[in-house]
Protein backbone atom coordinates (compact mmCIF):
# COMPACT_ATOMS: atom_id res chain seq x y z
CA GLN A 1 -14.48 -7.46 -11.85
CA VAL A 2 -11.68 -5.73 -10.62
CA GLN A 3 -8.13 -6.31 -10.16
CA LEU A 4 -5.34 -4.39 -8.22
CA VAL A 5 -1.60 -4.80 -9.33
CA GLU A 6 1.12 -3.92 -6.92
CA SER A 7 4.73 -2.81 -8.26
CA GLY A 8 7.92 -1.03 -6.82
CA GLY A 9 8.91 -3.76 -4.46
CA GLY A 10 12.38 -4.94 -4.10
CA LEU A 11 15.74 -5.03 -1.95
CA VAL A 12 17.05 -1.77 -0.53
CA GLN A 13 19.56 -1.25 2.12
CA ALA A 14 18.58 0.15 5.64
CA GLY A 15 18.25 4.01 5.05
CA GLY A 16 16.90 3.62 1.74
CA SER A 17 13.85 4.42 -0.17
CA LEU A 18 11.34 2.54 -2.25
CA ARG A 19 8.03 3.72 -3.68
CA LEU A 20 5.20 1.07 -4.13
CA SER A 21 2.05 1.81 -6.65
CA CYS A 22 -1.10 0.01 -6.88
CA ALA A 23 -3.31 0.46 -9.96
CA ALA A 24 -6.95 -0.71 -10.11
CA SER A 25 -8.25 -2.10 -13.47
CA GLY A 26 -11.81 -3.35 -14.34
CA THR A 27 -15.14 -2.10 -14.21
CA ILE A 28 -14.97 0.75 -11.71
CA PHE A 29 -17.23 3.52 -10.77
CA ARG A 30 -15.85 4.65 -7.45
CA ILE A 31 -12.98 3.94 -5.14
CA ASN A 32 -13.39 5.07 -1.59
CA THR A 33 -10.66 4.45 1.21
CA MET A 34 -7.60 2.78 -0.31
CA ALA A 35 -4.98 1.41 2.02
CA TRP A 36 -1.42 -0.49 2.32
CA TYR A 37 -1.03 -3.29 4.43
CA ARG A 38 2.14 -5.66 4.94
CA GLN A 39 2.72 -9.08 6.61
CA ALA A 40 6.07 -10.23 7.69
CA PRO A 41 6.77 -13.97 7.99
CA GLY A 42 5.11 -15.65 10.74
CA MET A 43 3.02 -12.52 11.73
CA GLN A 44 -0.55 -11.21 11.03
CA ARG A 45 -1.17 -8.90 8.34
CA GLU A 46 -1.14 -5.18 9.87
CA LEU A 47 -2.31 -1.91 8.42
CA VAL A 48 0.34 0.43 7.35
CA ALA A 49 -1.70 3.49 6.39
CA THR A 50 -5.08 4.72 4.64
CA ILE A 51 -6.15 7.82 2.52
CA THR A 52 -9.45 8.59 1.90
CA ARG A 53 -11.05 9.67 -1.49
CA GLY A 54 -10.78 13.05 -0.24
CA GLY A 55 -7.04 12.77 0.67
CA SER A 56 -7.32 12.36 4.42
CA THR A 57 -4.46 9.89 5.57
CA ASN A 58 -3.78 7.97 8.61
CA TYR A 59 -0.37 5.97 9.63
CA SER A 60 0.40 3.05 11.75
CA ASP A 61 2.89 4.55 14.82
CA SER A 62 5.50 2.21 13.33
CA VAL A 63 5.97 4.06 9.84
CA LYS A 64 4.60 7.40 10.83
CA GLY A 65 7.11 10.60 9.45
CA ARG A 66 8.77 7.79 7.17
CA PHE A 67 6.31 6.65 4.87
CA THR A 68 3.80 8.82 2.88
CA ILE A 69 0.61 7.51 1.31
CA SER A 70 -0.98 9.13 -1.93
CA ARG A 71 -3.52 8.49 -4.69
CA ASP A 72 -4.23 9.69 -8.11
CA ASN A 73 -8.15 9.44 -8.15
CA ALA A 74 -7.96 10.08 -12.14
CA LYS A 75 -5.62 6.69 -12.46
CA ASN A 76 -7.37 4.40 -9.85
CA THR A 77 -3.90 4.47 -8.33
CA VAL A 78 -2.36 4.58 -4.79
CA TYR A 79 1.22 4.90 -4.05
CA LEU A 80 3.42 4.40 -0.86
CA GLN A 81 6.62 6.49 -0.73
CA MET A 82 8.92 4.40 2.06
CA ASN A 83 11.78 6.43 3.26
CA SER A 84 14.17 5.71 6.17
CA LEU A 85 13.67 1.97 5.60
CA LYS A 86 14.43 -0.49 8.37
CA PRO A 87 14.83 -4.18 8.38
CA GLU A 88 11.87 -4.42 10.34
CA ASP A 89 9.90 -2.99 7.22
CA THR A 90 10.84 -6.18 5.61
CA ALA A 91 7.47 -7.98 4.69
CA VAL A 92 5.10 -8.54 1.32
CA TYR A 93 3.07 -5.45 1.30
CA TYR A 94 -0.64 -5.60 -0.08
CA CYS A 95 -2.70 -2.66 -1.51
CA ASN A 96 -6.70 -2.54 -0.51
CA ALA A 97 -9.43 -0.64 -2.04
CA ASP A 98 -13.01 -0.21 -1.18
CA LEU A 99 -15.31 -0.21 -4.01
CA PRO A 100 -18.70 0.38 -2.71
CA PHE A 101 -20.47 -0.63 -5.75
CA TYR A 102 -19.39 -4.25 -5.10
CA SER A 103 -20.45 -3.84 -1.30
CA GLY A 104 -16.66 -5.11 -0.44
CA THR A 105 -13.01 -4.53 -0.73
CA PHE A 106 -10.66 -5.78 -3.00
CA TRP A 107 -6.77 -7.02 -2.26
CA GLY A 108 -3.73 -7.13 -4.73
CA GLN A 109 -1.59 -10.04 -4.88
CA GLY A 110 1.35 -8.37 -2.98
CA THR A 111 4.86 -7.05 -3.57
CA GLN A 112 7.82 -8.13 -1.51
CA VAL A 113 9.89 -5.57 0.05
CA SER A 114 13.27 -6.53 1.81
CA VAL A 115 15.58 -4.36 3.92
CA SER A 116 18.96 -5.27 4.56
CA SER A 117 20.81 -4.16 7.67
């Protein structure tokens, strides 16, 4: 099967930066769109950013201009560079990958990002 493992979360002061990574492993033939989601306490999970296999990106309005999603197809890895972090960015961040061979998507276990004011 397939596993997604996130890393790079932590505690940072407002205005600071973090870089999240998510590596997919297992029997992988092709990964289409990869994405980052986040879920704050008591809130629904929300989409943060997506990137296609060809590198086209989309961002939620709340992170546009501050976050950058990228990927390395050879390493089956997606990244999220987060700059100018705000307390409202505090959440568990999850990566998601669309693997057409399995006719579905896979989720990572999540990594905590906490931004202090």
